[in-house]
Amino acid sequence: MRNARLVTFASALLLLAASVSAQQPPAALQRILADQELWGDDYPAVLTRLRALQDSGERTVYIFPDRAAGATAARAQADVQPRATRLATLMARPVTLQAPFAQLQQRAAPAAGTLRAEAVRLRDGDGFHVALTRAAGLRLLRPGLAVEAVRARLGPPERVTQQTIQSEGDRRPVILTLHQYAGGSIAFAESNMSEPGVVDRVVLDLNAAVAASAR
């Protein structure tokens, strides 16, 4: 009986520790999202819109040098347009970022007013995506950001994996090489369609990113 009580007590402690750990901000991801050496001038405006993307139904976002897009693809633009319209409405809601992002929050306002929610085709050729864009293009990544520069800032990736995105028609698939950090919640991706060694996009888990950045 005494042993059974001890086992029950130990199990309760483990569950409590897991619960507390889950509630703590993911510090590694916060450091990466707040590292201004990795991101472009317009990145703060998109950072404050990650919750809107999440609430529009997206779970993963691609941050390209010039736009941010949900990973979910649809064959027809009409299938994506209602989500783009919903995203435009959600973007109007103010979002306050956590303390590590105070400087980025101050820089977000000028570009935020020029953001548009659209249903667009990506160069992946797999259909239409919900995207945050701007007529003149956005500057979301440090210009010419290279994988080696990421390694210099963050150290070696925790894992390196590949993801294949099947294109429509006869186009060859897009193959991403993902350099993963923060438990896989963020990855700096090379593409077989882009210059080797250059970050084609950042692949971001929206649930983790919103939990790490937004209040």
Protein backbone atom coordinates (compact mmCIF):
# COMPACT_ATOMS: atom_id res chain seq x y z
CA MET A 1 0.00 0.00 0.00
CA ARG A 2 2.82 2.38 0.98
CA ASN A 3 4.61 1.66 -2.33
CA ALA A 4 1.41 2.31 -4.26
CA ARG A 5 1.03 5.70 -2.54
CA LEU A 6 4.63 6.57 -3.38
CA VAL A 7 4.11 5.67 -7.04
CA THR A 8 0.94 7.75 -7.17
CA PHE A 9 2.71 10.69 -5.54
CA ALA A 10 5.66 10.45 -7.95
CA SER A 11 3.29 10.31 -10.92
CA ALA A 12 1.50 13.42 -9.68
CA LEU A 13 4.83 15.25 -9.35
CA LEU A 14 5.77 14.31 -12.92
CA LEU A 15 2.43 15.54 -14.24
CA LEU A 16 2.80 18.80 -12.31
CA ALA A 17 6.34 19.31 -13.64
CA ALA A 18 5.18 18.65 -17.19
CA SER A 19 2.31 21.11 -16.75
CA VAL A 20 4.62 23.85 -15.42
CA SER A 21 7.12 23.20 -18.23
CA ALA A 22 4.37 23.46 -20.84
CA GLN A 23 3.29 26.81 -19.41
CA GLN A 24 6.78 28.33 -19.50
CA PRO A 25 7.66 30.45 -22.56
CA PRO A 26 9.90 28.52 -24.98
CA ALA A 27 13.04 30.57 -24.40
CA ALA A 28 14.99 29.16 -27.34
CA LEU A 29 12.26 30.10 -29.80
CA GLN A 30 11.88 33.53 -28.20
CA ARG A 31 15.59 34.22 -28.69
CA ILE A 32 15.40 33.31 -32.37
CA LEU A 33 12.23 35.29 -33.04
CA ALA A 34 13.74 38.34 -31.31
CA ASP A 35 17.17 38.12 -32.99
CA GLN A 36 17.20 41.19 -35.20
CA GLU A 37 20.28 39.95 -37.10
CA LEU A 38 18.12 37.32 -38.80
CA TRP A 39 15.10 39.37 -39.80
CA GLY A 40 14.27 42.19 -42.20
CA ASP A 41 12.83 45.63 -41.55
CA ASP A 42 9.18 44.61 -42.05
CA TYR A 43 9.34 41.42 -39.97
CA PRO A 44 7.89 43.03 -36.80
CA ALA A 45 4.61 43.77 -38.62
CA VAL A 46 4.23 40.08 -39.52
CA LEU A 47 5.25 38.96 -36.02
CA THR A 48 2.28 40.88 -34.60
CA ARG A 49 -0.02 39.15 -37.13
CA LEU A 50 0.95 35.55 -36.34
CA ARG A 51 -2.06 35.11 -34.05
CA ALA A 52 -4.34 36.33 -36.84
CA LEU A 53 -2.84 33.71 -39.17
CA GLN A 54 -3.33 31.07 -36.51
CA ASP A 55 -6.95 32.10 -35.91
CA SER A 56 -7.61 32.00 -39.66
CA GLY A 57 -6.96 28.25 -39.54
CA GLU A 58 -3.26 27.97 -40.35
CA ARG A 59 -0.87 25.82 -38.33
CA THR A 60 2.36 26.48 -40.21
CA VAL A 61 3.60 29.68 -41.82
CA TYR A 62 6.29 30.14 -44.46
CA ILE A 63 8.20 33.40 -44.00
CA PHE A 64 9.74 34.24 -47.37
CA PRO A 65 11.99 37.26 -47.96
CA ASP A 66 9.04 39.20 -49.45
CA ARG A 67 5.84 37.66 -47.99
CA ALA A 68 4.46 35.36 -45.32
CA ALA A 69 2.10 32.56 -46.31
CA GLY A 70 0.19 29.77 -44.65
CA ALA A 71 1.38 26.31 -45.64
CA THR A 72 -2.11 25.03 -46.46
CA ALA A 73 -2.67 24.90 -50.23
CA ALA A 74 -5.89 24.70 -52.25
CA ARG A 75 -6.39 24.10 -55.96
CA ALA A 76 -8.72 27.05 -56.58
CA GLN A 77 -8.33 30.66 -55.51
CA ALA A 78 -12.03 30.73 -54.61
CA ASP A 79 -11.38 28.05 -51.97
CA VAL A 80 -8.83 30.27 -50.21
CA GLN A 81 -10.48 33.68 -50.59
CA PRO A 82 -12.89 33.30 -47.63
CA ARG A 83 -9.92 32.57 -45.35
CA ALA A 84 -8.06 35.57 -46.75
CA THR A 85 -11.09 37.74 -46.02
CA ARG A 86 -11.27 36.36 -42.48
CA LEU A 87 -7.54 37.01 -42.03
CA ALA A 88 -7.99 40.64 -43.10
CA THR A 89 -10.62 41.05 -40.37
CA LEU A 90 -8.50 39.32 -37.73
CA MET A 91 -5.51 41.52 -38.57
CA ALA A 92 -7.40 44.56 -37.31
CA ARG A 93 -7.37 43.21 -33.76
CA PRO A 94 -4.50 44.64 -31.69
CA VAL A 95 -1.91 42.17 -30.42
CA THR A 96 0.52 42.90 -27.60
CA LEU A 97 3.81 41.04 -27.68
CA GLN A 98 5.66 39.69 -24.68
CA ALA A 99 8.48 41.63 -22.99
CA PRO A 100 11.41 40.24 -25.06
CA PHE A 101 9.78 41.73 -28.17
CA ALA A 102 9.21 45.27 -26.88
CA GLN A 103 11.55 46.88 -29.41
CA LEU A 104 10.03 44.89 -32.27
CA GLN A 105 6.53 45.89 -31.15
CA GLN A 106 7.50 49.57 -31.44
CA ARG A 107 8.79 49.00 -34.98
CA ALA A 108 5.69 47.09 -36.12
CA ALA A 109 3.26 49.96 -36.62
CA PRO A 110 4.64 51.69 -39.77
CA ALA A 111 4.56 48.58 -41.95
CA ALA A 112 1.50 46.98 -40.35
CA GLY A 113 -0.91 49.40 -42.00
CA THR A 114 0.30 48.44 -45.47
CA LEU A 115 -0.11 44.68 -45.05
CA ARG A 116 -2.69 42.92 -47.22
CA ALA A 117 -4.30 39.50 -46.81
CA GLU A 118 -4.54 37.75 -50.17
CA ALA A 119 -5.04 34.38 -51.80
CA VAL A 120 -1.90 33.90 -53.89
CA ARG A 121 0.13 31.31 -55.73
CA LEU A 122 3.57 30.56 -54.38
CA ARG A 123 6.58 29.51 -56.41
CA ASP A 124 6.02 26.00 -55.01
CA GLY A 125 3.32 25.51 -57.64
CA ASP A 126 1.11 23.48 -55.30
CA GLY A 127 -1.93 25.78 -55.46
CA PHE A 128 -3.19 28.91 -53.68
CA HIS A 129 -2.25 30.00 -50.17
CA VAL A 130 -3.38 32.66 -47.72
CA ALA A 131 -0.60 35.23 -47.58
CA LEU A 132 0.42 38.51 -46.00
CA THR A 133 1.78 40.74 -48.74
CA ARG A 134 2.45 44.35 -49.69
CA ALA A 135 2.31 45.98 -53.12
CA ALA A 136 6.02 46.84 -53.05
CA GLY A 137 6.98 43.56 -51.42
CA LEU A 138 8.00 43.01 -47.82
CA ARG A 139 11.45 42.73 -46.29
CA LEU A 140 11.03 39.90 -43.83
CA LEU A 141 14.46 38.23 -43.81
CA ARG A 142 17.91 39.75 -43.59
CA PRO A 143 18.92 40.37 -47.23
CA GLY A 144 20.79 37.37 -48.63
CA LEU A 145 20.45 35.45 -45.36
CA ALA A 146 22.64 32.35 -45.63
CA VAL A 147 22.47 29.09 -43.72
CA GLU A 148 26.05 29.69 -42.53
CA ALA A 149 25.01 33.05 -41.08
CA VAL A 150 22.19 31.30 -39.21
CA ARG A 151 24.66 28.75 -37.84
CA ALA A 152 26.98 31.55 -36.76
CA ARG A 153 24.15 33.14 -34.75
CA LEU A 154 22.39 30.04 -33.41
CA GLY A 155 24.94 27.25 -33.56
CA PRO A 156 24.47 23.93 -35.36
CA PRO A 157 20.85 22.93 -36.02
CA GLU A 158 19.27 20.33 -33.77
CA ARG A 159 18.20 18.33 -36.82
CA VAL A 160 18.47 18.57 -40.59
CA THR A 161 15.59 16.98 -42.49
CA GLN A 162 13.97 17.25 -45.90
CA GLN A 163 10.41 18.07 -46.91
CA THR A 164 8.98 17.47 -50.39
CA ILE A 165 6.21 19.72 -51.72
CA GLN A 166 4.46 18.15 -54.66
CA SER A 167 3.70 20.64 -57.43
CA GLU A 168 0.66 20.57 -59.68
CA GLY A 169 1.04 19.36 -63.25
CA ASP A 170 4.40 18.24 -64.64
CA ARG A 171 6.60 20.57 -62.59
CA ARG A 172 9.25 18.89 -60.49
CA PRO A 173 8.59 18.94 -56.74
CA VAL A 174 10.10 21.49 -54.39
CA ILE A 175 12.50 19.89 -51.93
CA LEU A 176 13.24 21.84 -48.77
CA THR A 177 16.25 21.13 -46.57
CA LEU A 178 15.14 22.13 -43.10
CA HIS A 179 17.70 23.26 -40.52
CA GLN A 180 15.65 22.91 -37.35
CA TYR A 181 15.94 24.74 -34.04
CA ALA A 182 13.90 25.12 -30.83
CA GLY A 183 12.62 21.57 -30.85
CA GLY A 184 11.61 21.77 -34.50
CA SER A 185 9.28 24.74 -33.99
CA ILE A 186 11.36 26.83 -36.42
CA ALA A 187 13.42 25.80 -39.42
CA PHE A 188 15.58 27.75 -41.84
CA ALA A 189 15.02 26.13 -45.21
CA GLU A 190 17.09 25.80 -48.35
CA SER A 191 15.22 24.93 -51.56
CA ASN A 192 16.27 23.01 -54.66
CA MET A 193 14.62 25.87 -56.59
CA SER A 194 16.85 28.56 -55.06
CA GLU A 195 20.53 29.36 -54.75
CA PRO A 196 22.31 26.73 -52.60
CA GLY A 197 23.22 27.88 -49.12
CA VAL A 198 20.70 30.76 -49.11
CA VAL A 199 17.64 30.65 -46.83
CA ASP A 200 14.64 30.31 -49.15
CA ARG A 201 12.11 30.61 -46.30
CA VAL A 202 11.65 30.15 -42.59
CA VAL A 203 9.14 27.45 -41.62
CA LEU A 204 7.41 28.33 -38.38
CA ASP A 205 5.03 26.35 -36.15
CA LEU A 206 2.31 28.90 -35.44
CA ASN A 207 1.11 27.35 -32.18
CA ALA A 208 4.62 27.52 -30.74
CA ALA A 209 5.38 30.97 -32.18
CA VAL A 210 2.19 32.57 -30.86
CA ALA A 211 2.74 31.03 -27.43
CA ALA A 212 6.32 32.36 -27.42
CA SER A 213 5.59 35.89 -28.66
CA ALA A 214 2.03 37.06 -27.98
CA ARG A 215 0.42 37.88 -24.65
